[in-house]
């Protein structure tokens, strides 16, 4: 699949994030979150355009509340960039594509 977005769960999170050779942007979201839904197609586009440079994954906070607590996700959407398995940058709130790419530029 081209530019696929990986769905992470509490059981797959550590292995997927820890073994990623590229920086991984993890979107903490929920089905009922309006801004999260606005952000979803933007993340799809970025996943396709940045394939091999940046991986994108999603964590549904309703399905994985322990991960949300572990990374102190207080509001959604929260995007956390993991570099070598470690949180490197946190972005909170929905953003437009250009602003998002601008904020992620150090990882691209």
Protein backbone atom coordinates (compact mmCIF):
# COMPACT_ATOMS: atom_id res chain seq x y z
CA UNK A 1 0.00 0.00 0.00
CA UNK A 2 1.39 3.41 -0.94
CA UNK A 3 1.82 5.88 1.88
CA UNK A 4 -0.30 3.78 4.19
CA UNK A 5 -1.19 5.14 7.60
CA UNK A 6 -0.62 2.53 10.29
CA UNK A 7 -3.22 2.10 13.01
CA UNK A 8 -1.48 1.47 16.32
CA UNK A 9 -2.87 -0.22 19.39
CA UNK A 10 -1.52 -0.59 22.91
CA UNK A 11 -0.05 -3.96 21.89
CA UNK A 12 1.63 -2.80 18.65
CA UNK A 13 2.71 0.73 19.60
CA UNK A 14 6.14 0.16 21.17
CA UNK A 15 7.30 -2.30 18.52
CA UNK A 16 6.11 -0.21 15.55
CA UNK A 17 7.43 3.10 16.86
CA UNK A 18 10.66 1.62 18.23
CA UNK A 19 11.51 -0.25 15.03
CA UNK A 20 10.73 2.56 12.59
CA UNK A 21 13.78 3.63 10.58
CA UNK A 22 12.07 6.93 9.65
CA UNK A 23 10.65 9.52 12.03
CA UNK A 24 7.06 8.55 12.86
CA UNK A 25 4.24 11.07 13.26
CA UNK A 26 1.58 9.61 15.55
CA UNK A 27 -1.87 11.17 15.43
CA UNK A 28 -3.79 10.74 18.71
CA UNK A 29 -7.43 11.08 17.65
CA UNK A 30 -11.01 9.88 18.30
CA UNK A 31 -13.99 9.08 16.09
CA UNK A 32 -16.12 11.84 17.68
CA UNK A 33 -13.48 14.57 17.22
CA UNK A 34 -14.37 17.07 14.45
CA UNK A 35 -10.89 18.61 14.05
CA UNK A 36 -9.44 15.07 13.90
CA UNK A 37 -11.69 14.31 10.94
CA UNK A 38 -10.56 17.51 9.19
CA UNK A 39 -6.93 16.51 9.72
CA UNK A 40 -7.31 12.92 8.42
CA UNK A 41 -7.22 13.66 4.64
CA UNK A 42 -4.25 16.02 5.14
CA UNK A 43 -2.34 13.26 6.91
CA UNK A 44 -3.22 10.84 4.07
CA UNK A 45 -1.73 13.28 1.55
CA UNK A 46 1.42 13.78 3.60
CA UNK A 47 1.77 10.00 4.08
CA UNK A 48 1.70 9.54 0.29
CA UNK A 49 4.03 12.44 -0.47
CA UNK A 50 6.59 11.68 2.26
CA UNK A 51 6.72 7.90 1.90
CA UNK A 52 10.17 6.64 2.85
CA UNK A 53 10.90 9.89 4.72
CA UNK A 54 8.18 10.08 7.38
CA UNK A 55 5.82 7.37 8.61
CA UNK A 56 2.37 8.33 9.83
CA UNK A 57 0.37 6.35 12.35
CA UNK A 58 -2.85 6.85 14.28
CA UNK A 59 -3.86 5.99 17.82
CA UNK A 60 -7.57 6.05 18.69
CA UNK A 61 -7.55 7.41 22.25
CA UNK A 62 -10.85 5.67 23.02
CA UNK A 63 -9.33 2.31 22.05
CA UNK A 64 -5.94 2.98 23.65
CA UNK A 65 -6.50 5.15 26.75
CA UNK A 66 -3.26 3.94 28.36
CA UNK A 67 -1.21 5.33 25.46
CA UNK A 68 -3.03 8.66 25.70
CA UNK A 69 -2.21 8.78 29.43
CA UNK A 70 1.39 7.65 28.90
CA UNK A 71 2.07 10.51 26.47
CA UNK A 72 -0.05 13.00 28.44
CA UNK A 73 -2.46 13.64 25.58
CA UNK A 74 -4.91 16.13 27.09
CA UNK A 75 -6.65 17.34 23.96
CA UNK A 76 -7.03 15.91 20.49
CA UNK A 77 -5.84 15.93 17.87
CA UNK A 78 -2.34 15.72 19.32
CA UNK A 79 0.45 14.81 16.91
CA UNK A 80 3.70 13.52 18.35
CA UNK A 81 6.77 12.94 16.19
CA UNK A 82 8.87 10.03 17.40
CA UNK A 83 12.49 9.95 16.28
CA UNK A 84 14.40 6.75 17.13
CA UNK A 85 11.44 5.72 19.28
CA UNK A 86 11.58 8.88 21.42
CA UNK A 87 9.08 11.77 21.37
CA UNK A 88 10.83 14.60 19.53
CA UNK A 89 8.04 17.11 18.84
CA UNK A 90 4.42 17.62 19.87
CA UNK A 91 1.78 19.52 17.92
CA UNK A 92 -1.68 20.10 19.36
CA UNK A 93 -4.76 20.98 17.33
CA UNK A 94 -5.74 20.70 13.69
CA UNK A 95 -3.51 22.55 11.24
CA UNK A 96 -3.54 23.14 7.51
CA UNK A 97 -1.24 21.12 5.29
CA UNK A 98 1.33 23.89 4.70
CA UNK A 99 1.53 24.80 8.37
CA UNK A 100 1.88 21.13 9.31
CA UNK A 101 4.63 20.54 6.74
CA UNK A 102 6.37 23.69 7.95
CA UNK A 103 6.30 22.45 11.56
CA UNK A 104 7.55 19.02 10.45
CA UNK A 105 10.28 20.38 8.17
CA UNK A 106 13.14 19.34 10.50
CA UNK A 107 12.08 15.70 10.04
CA UNK A 108 11.53 15.80 6.25
